[in-house]
Amino acid sequence: MQKYFLALATDQKKGIIAAFFKFFLWLFSYVYGFFVGLRNILFDIHVFWPRKVKKPVISVGNITMGGAGKTPLVIYIVKALRRKQHKPAVLIRGFMPDGKGARSDEVQLLEEALLGVPILEGKNRYDNAKKTLKQGHVDAFVMDDGFQHRQLKRDLNIVVVDALNPWGNRQMIPRGILRESLRSLKRADVIILTKVDLAQNVLPLKQEIQQIHPQAIVCETMHHPFAVHSLRSKERLEPSFLKGRKVCAISGIGNPESFDKTLLALEADVHKHFIFEDHHVYTETDVERIVNYALKNGVIYVITTQKDLPKLKPFIQTFGLKLNLLVLEIQFAFITGEEQFLERVNHLFQH
C-alpha cells in the first residue's frame, strides 16, 4: 500500500482510479502544508525556540522525500573537518521500516565510511549532542537530515537538491514529495545541487533557486563512481570494469533513476534493474527471485549501491558461486563552489 501511494505521489500511476485517489491526496496535502507552515511560522516569530549546544552544528537536509544525496555530503564534511584536526560527531535520527530497532542503512554506511567518528543515532538530536559534550572529545556536530529538525539550533544550514528531480510534481506530501514549501529554502545558508553531471541543464534550476533566495551560496556537485567492489574476490576494480558487461542491478534508494544513469554512463549492459522502495529490507524471497532471474538469463554479475549493501550481506550465500555480487562505490565531489563552501565551514571555528 505504501508503495502504491508513493507511485501516486510521483505520478507513476495513471487512470480514473489513480485520479480519484490523487484528489484526496491533494486535499490531505493542504492539511499537511498548513500544519508545516504553521510550525515554521511559530519558530520564525520565536514562539518556539531552538536549543543551542556549545559547539558548532552543521545541518545537512533537504525539502523532499527520497535520496537527494545527503549522506555522501555528510561524509565529505566530516572528512574535511578531520583534515583540519577537528573532532566531529554525526547526529542522525535513523530509520528502519520494520520497526524492530535495527540500525538504519544510513547509520551503517556512515559507520563504515567514518571509522572512529561517533555516530549518534536517535530522534532527540539535542540530548544526544549534550550527552556527548559531557564526555568531551567532540568539537563539532554534523546533523544528517536536519533541515526540518528545527528544535536544535544550527550554525550552518545546508539544503541538498537532487538536480535530476528537484521538486517532483511541486506538490506537498502526500500528493507530492515536498516536505515543505519552496519558500523554506530561504532558511538555507548553502544549497548543494547533486548529480549535476547526470542532469541535462541545471541553469533553470539555479535561476529558480536564486529568485527564491538570492543570498544563498549555490554549489554544483556530482556523485563520482570511483570503484567497483567484488564481494566474491574482495577486489576493488576500476569503474571501467563494467563497460560492456551484462549485469542485473538492485536498488532500494530514493532515486533509482540516478543509479540507472550512472550505470549507463559507465556503459554497463543493464539487463534488468530490480527496484525496491527506499529503505527496503531485503528478504530471502527477494534475493532468490533476483538470483533465479540472473541465472535464467545468463547474467553473472549483480550490482548494487553502497546504501543497499549492508542489507544484502546476510544473503551472500544465496548469491552463491555462480553470481558475483558487485558494489558500485561512489565519491562525492564538487564541480563548482567547493572553495567558497569550505570557507563557510571553516569560518564556524574562527570565533
Foldseek 3Di string as FASTA:
>chain_A
DVVVLQCQQLVVDDDDVSVVVLVVFQVVLVVLQVVLVVVVVCDVVVVDDADEDPAAEEEEAAFFPFCLPQLLVLLVLCVVCVVVVAQEAEEEAADAVVPPPDGFLSQVLCCVSPPPHHYHYHDPRVVSVVVVVVVPRHRYYYYGRCLSVRNHDHPAYEYGAELVCGCRVQTGPPNYTGNYHPLSCQVHQEYEYEQPVLDDDCVVVVVVNCVSHVNHHYFYKYWAFAWKAWPVVRDTHGLLVQAAAEEEEEEATRCVVSVVSNSVVSNHNHPYYHYHHHNDQDDPVNLLVVLVVCVVVVHQEYEYESSCVVSCVVCPCVNPPSHIYMYGHIHMGTPDDPVVVVVSVVVSPPD
